[in-house]
């Protein structure tokens, strides 16, 4: 199959490109190659390439920045998604759209999880734009998969683990406060790419949750990661109230991969196994960024 991967230089797009090109003809595009919110560009791309599947990894994911850069967030997360969905429908392409745990309000009592048909109620503008992206996909293209994931990390792009590593390596003695009362499931972008490939193979339809198994807090994630990296740190747990941010985040955004399990295709491991495998594969590359390898 010919597969378009948008956002192909980001953390998930990079891994989707790597995984999918093993068995498919992948056409990779980043924001410089294809402005997904430009309907003329998108139309011309579909006319020339006619992909069988579109994996939309392009998104504006800086949650706090979305609160002040609302026009940009809407343009990418909604207008861009709509342009892809309309052209995919016109040319008979399946659209796989990546969404987020932040479409939920996080008010479920721990350790309850969110399943695919739970009521959505985003707290942040980022979550609102991602939910609206889901809605335009559903309206524009019946042949779609919406993949909700959470706390994604990887070697490429902007993510929590790379930020924590950078801050600690800059000054190992510096006290860093990390929130310890928000719960989610950290998900390696490579494992998510493998799961997306499986959904393509099985020709899935509808909404799927795809996150690592188990859950933790941001503080627990950071300490586990740095300890496994053998990097000294001075992390201090704090509450959400002690660490105010522009965007309100859900306290509980633990997703359950219910539909993947019902259909016998859940490939997602426990989040700690994901961290272990990520470090085994990419530790040298992570440290090389800071001249330590």
Protein backbone atom coordinates (compact mmCIF):
# COMPACT_ATOMS: atom_id res chain seq x y z
CA UNK A 1 0.00 0.00 0.00
CA UNK A 2 0.99 3.61 -0.49
CA UNK A 3 0.86 5.42 2.86
CA UNK A 4 1.19 9.14 3.53
CA UNK A 5 2.75 9.97 6.90
CA UNK A 6 2.31 13.61 7.88
CA UNK A 7 4.45 15.17 10.60
CA UNK A 8 7.14 12.75 9.48
CA UNK A 9 10.04 14.39 11.36
CA UNK A 10 8.23 14.54 14.71
CA UNK A 11 8.49 11.93 17.44
CA UNK A 12 5.63 9.69 16.28
CA UNK A 13 5.94 10.50 12.58
CA UNK A 14 9.61 9.49 12.56
CA UNK A 15 8.84 6.10 14.06
CA UNK A 16 5.78 5.56 11.86
CA UNK A 17 7.93 6.20 8.81
CA UNK A 18 10.54 3.71 10.05
CA UNK A 19 8.00 0.99 10.88
CA UNK A 20 5.65 1.35 7.92
CA UNK A 21 8.31 1.51 5.22
CA UNK A 22 9.32 -2.06 6.05
CA UNK A 23 6.26 -3.35 4.22
CA UNK A 24 4.65 -0.37 2.50
CA UNK A 25 5.43 2.43 0.07
CA UNK A 26 5.69 5.38 2.46
CA UNK A 27 5.46 8.99 1.33
CA UNK A 28 6.72 11.09 4.25
CA UNK A 29 5.90 14.78 4.58
CA UNK A 30 6.74 17.31 7.28
CA UNK A 31 5.29 20.80 7.67
CA UNK A 32 7.83 22.28 5.26
CA UNK A 33 6.94 19.75 2.56
CA UNK A 34 3.17 19.85 3.01
CA UNK A 35 1.10 22.48 4.80
CA UNK A 36 -1.87 20.34 5.76
CA UNK A 37 -4.03 23.40 6.46
CA UNK A 38 -3.52 24.65 2.90
CA UNK A 39 -6.34 23.00 0.98
CA UNK A 40 -4.74 23.68 -2.40
CA UNK A 41 -1.50 21.97 -1.35
CA UNK A 42 -3.37 19.02 0.11
CA UNK A 43 -5.55 18.65 -2.98
CA UNK A 44 -2.53 18.74 -5.28
CA UNK A 45 -0.74 16.13 -3.16
CA UNK A 46 -3.67 13.71 -3.32
CA UNK A 47 -4.08 14.27 -7.04
CA UNK A 48 -0.43 13.39 -7.67
CA UNK A 49 0.08 10.60 -5.11
CA UNK A 50 -3.32 8.98 -4.39
CA UNK A 51 -2.36 7.30 -1.09
CA UNK A 52 -4.27 4.26 0.12
CA UNK A 53 -3.82 5.29 3.76
CA UNK A 54 -3.05 8.59 5.49
CA UNK A 55 -1.45 8.51 8.95
CA UNK A 56 -1.87 12.01 10.34
CA UNK A 57 0.90 12.55 12.89
CA UNK A 58 0.97 16.31 12.26
CA UNK A 59 -0.24 18.26 15.30
CA UNK A 60 0.47 21.27 17.46
CA UNK A 61 1.12 19.51 20.76
CA UNK A 62 2.61 22.18 23.04
CA UNK A 63 -0.22 22.06 25.54
CA UNK A 64 0.56 25.28 27.40
CA UNK A 65 1.45 27.25 24.28
CA UNK A 66 -1.92 26.34 22.79
CA UNK A 67 -3.57 28.58 25.38
CA UNK A 68 -1.88 31.68 23.93
CA UNK A 69 -1.38 30.54 20.33
CA UNK A 70 -4.96 29.54 19.70
CA UNK A 71 -5.11 30.46 16.04
CA UNK A 72 -2.06 28.32 15.25
CA UNK A 73 -3.34 25.40 17.33
CA UNK A 74 -6.72 25.50 15.57
CA UNK A 75 -5.12 25.85 12.14
CA UNK A 76 -3.01 22.71 12.57
CA UNK A 77 -5.20 20.53 14.78
CA UNK A 78 -8.57 21.32 13.21
CA UNK A 79 -8.23 23.00 9.81
CA UNK A 80 -5.33 20.76 8.79
CA UNK A 81 -7.13 17.64 9.95
CA UNK A 82 -10.27 18.65 8.07
CA UNK A 83 -8.35 19.27 4.83
CA UNK A 84 -6.79 15.80 5.04
CA UNK A 85 -10.08 14.15 5.96
CA UNK A 86 -11.97 15.71 3.05
CA UNK A 87 -9.37 14.81 0.45
CA UNK A 88 -8.92 11.32 1.91
CA UNK A 89 -12.66 10.78 1.56
CA UNK A 90 -12.66 12.13 -2.00
CA UNK A 91 -9.82 9.84 -3.10
CA UNK A 92 -10.94 6.77 -1.15
CA UNK A 93 -8.05 6.85 1.34
CA UNK A 94 -8.31 5.50 4.86
CA UNK A 95 -7.46 8.20 7.42
CA UNK A 96 -5.70 7.33 10.66
CA UNK A 97 -5.83 10.33 12.97
CA UNK A 98 -3.84 10.61 16.20
CA UNK A 99 -5.68 12.07 19.18
CA UNK A 100 -5.06 12.39 22.90
CA UNK A 101 -6.04 11.49 26.45
CA UNK A 102 -6.63 15.22 26.99
CA UNK A 103 -10.09 14.98 25.41
CA UNK A 104 -11.18 13.70 28.87
CA UNK A 105 -11.59 15.79 32.03
CA UNK A 106 -9.78 13.34 34.32
CA UNK A 107 -12.46 13.37 37.02
CA UNK A 108 -12.80 9.59 37.25
CA UNK A 109 -11.65 8.20 40.58
CA UNK A 110 -8.29 6.44 40.51
CA UNK A 111 -7.53 3.79 39.38
CA UNK A 112 -10.56 3.89 37.04
CA UNK A 113 -9.65 4.16 33.37
CA UNK A 114 -11.19 5.83 30.33
CA UNK A 115 -12.53 3.64 27.53
CA UNK A 116 -13.32 4.61 23.96
CA UNK A 117 -16.99 5.46 24.44
CA UNK A 118 -16.65 7.46 27.67
CA UNK A 119 -17.95 11.02 27.60
CA UNK A 120 -15.37 13.55 26.39
CA UNK A 121 -14.90 16.90 28.12
CA UNK A 122 -11.51 18.56 27.48
CA UNK A 123 -10.13 20.97 30.07
CA UNK A 124 -7.54 22.73 27.89
CA UNK A 125 -7.62 24.48 24.54
CA UNK A 126 -5.24 21.82 23.22
CA UNK A 127 -7.76 19.16 24.23
CA UNK A 128 -10.57 21.15 22.61
CA UNK A 129 -8.74 21.35 19.28
CA UNK A 130 -7.93 17.64 19.34
CA UNK A 131 -11.55 16.78 20.08
CA UNK A 132 -12.71 19.03 17.25
CA UNK A 133 -10.19 17.24 15.03
CA UNK A 134 -11.84 13.94 15.93
CA UNK A 135 -15.25 15.36 15.04
CA UNK A 136 -14.20 16.65 11.63
CA UNK A 137 -12.67 13.25 10.83
CA UNK A 138 -15.92 11.48 11.73
CA UNK A 139 -17.99 13.89 9.67
CA UNK A 140 -15.74 13.94 6.60
CA UNK A 141 -14.54 10.36 6.16
CA UNK A 142 -16.34 7.18 7.22
CA UNK A 143 -13.22 5.12 6.52
CA UNK A 144 -11.20 6.29 9.52
CA UNK A 145 -9.38 5.23 12.65
CA UNK A 146 -8.96 7.64 15.55
CA UNK A 147 -6.10 6.57 17.82
CA UNK A 148 -6.11 8.18 21.26
CA UNK A 149 -2.81 7.89 23.05
CA UNK A 150 -1.10 9.53 26.02
CA UNK A 151 2.16 10.86 27.41
CA UNK A 152 4.09 10.05 24.24
CA UNK A 153 7.90 10.13 24.30
CA UNK A 154 10.62 9.18 21.85
CA UNK A 155 13.99 10.11 20.43
CA UNK A 156 12.64 12.85 18.19
CA UNK A 157 10.59 15.97 18.73
CA UNK A 158 9.37 17.72 21.85
CA UNK A 159 8.55 15.53 24.87
CA UNK A 160 8.71 15.38 28.64
CA UNK A 161 11.56 12.88 28.99
CA UNK A 162 13.92 14.74 26.67
CA UNK A 163 13.16 17.96 28.55
CA UNK A 164 13.82 16.39 31.96
CA UNK A 165 17.06 14.84 30.73
CA UNK A 166 18.25 18.17 29.33
CA UNK A 167 17.49 20.06 32.54
CA UNK A 168 19.19 17.47 34.75
CA UNK A 169 22.30 17.19 32.60
CA UNK A 170 22.65 20.97 32.56
CA UNK A 171 22.84 21.02 36.36
CA UNK A 172 22.61 17.65 38.20
CA UNK A 173 22.47 19.36 41.63
CA UNK A 174 19.57 21.61 40.74
CA UNK A 175 16.29 20.83 42.48
CA UNK A 176 13.56 20.17 39.94
CA UNK A 177 9.95 19.89 41.04
CA UNK A 178 7.82 17.39 39.14
CA UNK A 179 4.08 16.90 39.49
CA UNK A 180 3.16 13.79 41.47
CA UNK A 181 -0.65 13.84 41.41
CA UNK A 182 -1.45 13.53 37.69
CA UNK A 183 -1.73 9.95 36.45
CA UNK A 184 -1.33 8.55 32.95
CA UNK A 185 0.32 5.87 30.84
CA UNK A 186 3.67 6.84 29.25
CA UNK A 187 3.82 5.53 25.68
CA UNK A 188 6.92 5.05 23.53
CA UNK A 189 6.34 6.40 20.03
CA UNK A 190 7.98 3.32 18.49
CA UNK A 191 5.54 0.97 20.21
CA UNK A 192 2.67 3.21 19.11
CA UNK A 193 3.93 3.05 15.51
CA UNK A 194 3.92 -0.76 15.70
CA UNK A 195 0.34 -0.66 16.98
CA UNK A 196 -0.72 1.68 14.17
CA UNK A 197 0.82 -0.70 11.65
CA UNK A 198 -1.20 -3.54 13.17
CA UNK A 199 -4.40 -1.50 12.87
CA UNK A 200 -3.64 -0.88 9.20
CA UNK A 201 -3.05 -4.59 8.62
CA UNK A 202 -6.37 -5.54 10.24
CA UNK A 203 -8.25 -2.71 8.48
CA UNK A 204 -9.65 -1.41 11.75
CA UNK A 205 -12.41 1.19 11.96
CA UNK A 206 -13.46 3.72 14.59
CA UNK A 207 -11.89 4.89 17.84
CA UNK A 208 -9.11 2.95 19.55
CA UNK A 209 -7.16 3.74 22.70
CA UNK A 210 -3.49 2.81 22.35
CA UNK A 211 -1.27 3.45 25.35
CA UNK A 212 1.17 1.43 27.39
CA UNK A 213 -0.27 -0.74 30.13
CA UNK A 214 -0.11 0.39 33.74
CA UNK A 215 0.10 3.97 34.97
CA UNK A 216 2.25 6.36 36.96
CA UNK A 217 2.69 10.05 37.78
CA UNK A 218 5.01 12.47 36.00
CA UNK A 219 7.36 12.29 39.00
CA UNK A 220 7.38 8.49 38.98
CA UNK A 221 8.02 8.50 35.25
CA UNK A 222 10.90 10.96 35.51
CA UNK A 223 12.63 9.15 38.38
CA UNK A 224 12.26 5.74 36.73
CA UNK A 225 13.68 7.08 33.46
CA UNK A 226 16.64 8.91 35.00
CA UNK A 227 17.50 6.00 37.31
CA UNK A 228 17.48 3.60 34.35
CA UNK A 229 19.64 6.07 32.41
CA UNK A 230 22.07 6.10 35.39
CA UNK A 231 21.83 9.89 35.52
CA UNK A 232 22.11 11.60 38.92
CA UNK A 233 19.22 13.90 39.72
CA UNK A 234 17.56 15.91 42.45
CA UNK A 235 13.87 15.65 41.63
CA UNK A 236 11.29 16.82 44.15
CA UNK A 237 7.65 15.68 43.97
CA UNK A 238 5.01 18.38 44.07
CA UNK A 239 1.26 18.78 43.62
CA UNK A 240 -0.51 20.25 40.63
CA UNK A 241 -1.51 23.20 42.80
CA UNK A 242 2.16 23.84 43.59
CA UNK A 243 3.07 23.87 39.88
CA UNK A 244 0.52 26.05 38.07
CA UNK A 245 0.55 26.00 34.27
CA UNK A 246 -1.38 27.97 31.63
CA UNK A 247 -3.31 24.85 30.57
CA UNK A 248 -5.38 22.81 33.00
CA UNK A 249 -4.47 19.13 32.81
CA UNK A 250 -6.58 16.14 33.85
CA UNK A 251 -5.60 14.48 37.14
CA UNK A 252 -6.50 11.04 35.74
CA UNK A 253 -5.94 10.44 32.04
CA UNK A 254 -5.37 6.68 32.18
CA UNK A 255 -6.70 5.10 28.99
CA UNK A 256 -7.81 1.48 28.68
CA UNK A 257 -7.06 -0.24 25.36
CA UNK A 258 -10.43 -1.95 25.47
CA UNK A 259 -11.16 -2.23 21.75
CA UNK A 260 -7.63 -3.41 20.93
CA UNK A 261 -8.03 -6.18 23.48
CA UNK A 262 -11.52 -7.10 22.33
CA UNK A 263 -10.21 -7.52 18.79
CA UNK A 264 -7.12 -9.45 19.91
CA UNK A 265 -4.60 -6.98 18.56
CA UNK A 266 -3.24 -5.13 21.60
CA UNK A 267 0.55 -4.91 21.19
CA UNK A 268 1.21 -2.35 23.92
CA UNK A 269 3.52 -3.48 26.76
CA UNK A 270 3.74 -2.15 30.33
CA UNK A 271 5.05 1.41 30.48
CA UNK A 272 8.19 0.36 32.39
CA UNK A 273 9.04 -2.18 29.68
CA UNK A 274 8.59 0.62 27.17
CA UNK A 275 11.07 2.84 29.02
CA UNK A 276 13.55 -0.03 29.34
CA UNK A 277 13.43 -0.79 25.61
CA UNK A 278 13.61 2.89 24.69
CA UNK A 279 16.77 3.30 26.75
CA UNK A 280 18.28 0.08 25.42
CA UNK A 281 17.82 1.33 21.86
CA UNK A 282 18.40 5.07 22.19
CA UNK A 283 20.47 5.81 25.32
CA UNK A 284 23.61 6.64 23.35
CA UNK A 285 21.68 8.89 20.99
CA UNK A 286 20.01 10.69 23.90
CA UNK A 287 23.34 11.36 25.61
CA UNK A 288 25.08 12.25 22.36
CA UNK A 289 22.88 15.33 22.12
CA UNK A 290 24.73 16.68 25.15
CA UNK A 291 28.21 15.56 24.16
CA UNK A 292 28.27 12.65 26.61
CA UNK A 293 28.88 9.89 24.02
